[in-house]
Amino acid sequence: MLLGFDIGGTKCAVIIGKQNADNEIAIIAKESMPTNLPVYEMIDLLFATAEKLLLNHHVDIEQVKGIGISCGGPLSSKKGLILSPPNLPGWDNIPIVELAEKRFKTKVLLQNDANACAIAEWKYGAGKGYDNLLFLTFGTGMGAGLILNGKLYSGISDLAGEVGHIRLADNGPVGFGKSGSFEGFCSGGGIAQLGQIKAREQLQMGIPVSFCDNLTNLPLITAKLVAEAAYKGDEVAIEVYRICGEYLGKALSLFIDILNPELIILGSIYGRAKALLEPAMNKVIQREVYIDSKEACRIVSAGLSENIGDMAALSLALMCNEQN
């Protein structure tokens, strides 16, 4: 049996699963919860939830061969530490691996969510059969997992793939602590900021906006709310996603030219808003990328879809099992 923890800025999940006869991972059970408690209370809730799930499914802890923890970065997988992720305020130098190993008495493997998702997609999703690919989280935040020459590449300081920190413009929405960053333009929080900016412009001119009826409600704007309005034809919402798509194209152009990958897999928001993002994204890529590199690279949605976070954590747990 395998145990996984998916720790995100908005919500967390505890997952149990197992490897079947086809060497695929089957999800047995899952419980989700909002990330809304102080750090150590949240960790205790996650561990207690895991113990309850295992008990409910008649699994002894001795049957758990590995535990995988997928969490937003930056972090140190080598030291087992969560290192102040921008979407997890207060999670500063948290020894999550030590805590989990002490509680469950089994091997624990920690990776940032982008790396964990890249591994899951590479082994079980859209990346099967490829040796050179990038996975971009494109959720609450923006990070990348790199599979290069058939291996996970994590860099000398275990911080490779922190692409959300790249500045794409001198000014713009704030993400990863930086105005105009890739995460600022291309993440759930960034799209919400763009929506607030565009809605404010319209409302101050006395022009109604379908996804926000007054200035007081600007903080309630979310990426999902803007996407729903865009799909209904709201021009302001469509413009928000056009801007996001343009900056997505700019970033992908850099990655394609620098790394020359076979495949780029985009998670979360891309899968739900592909039609809103693709036209602007493709226009920029067509203009910017070296033609041979562009033709060698496919850009696709995550094959594991909404299960990707669960599969990421369980993939790490299985790697523990393989290492034992």
Foldseek 3Di string as FASTA:
>chain_A
DAWEWEAELFKIKIWDWDQDPVRDIDTDDMDMDTPDDQDVVSLVVNLVVNVVVCVVVVHDLVNHAFFFYEAADDAFQVQCFHDQHVSHPNRHRPNSQVVVCVSSVHYYTYAYNQQLLVLLCCPPFPNPPFQWEWEWALEQFTWIWTRHRNRTDQDPRSPPTRQQAAAPDQAAADDPNDGRGLRLLGYFNNLLVLLLVLCVVQVVVVHAFPLDGHNVCSVVGTLVSLLVSVVVPGPSSLVSLLSSLQSLLVSVQVCLQVRLGQEYEYEDPCVVRVVSRVVNNVVSNVVRHDVVSVVNYDYYYIGCHPCSSVSSRRSSRVVSSVVD
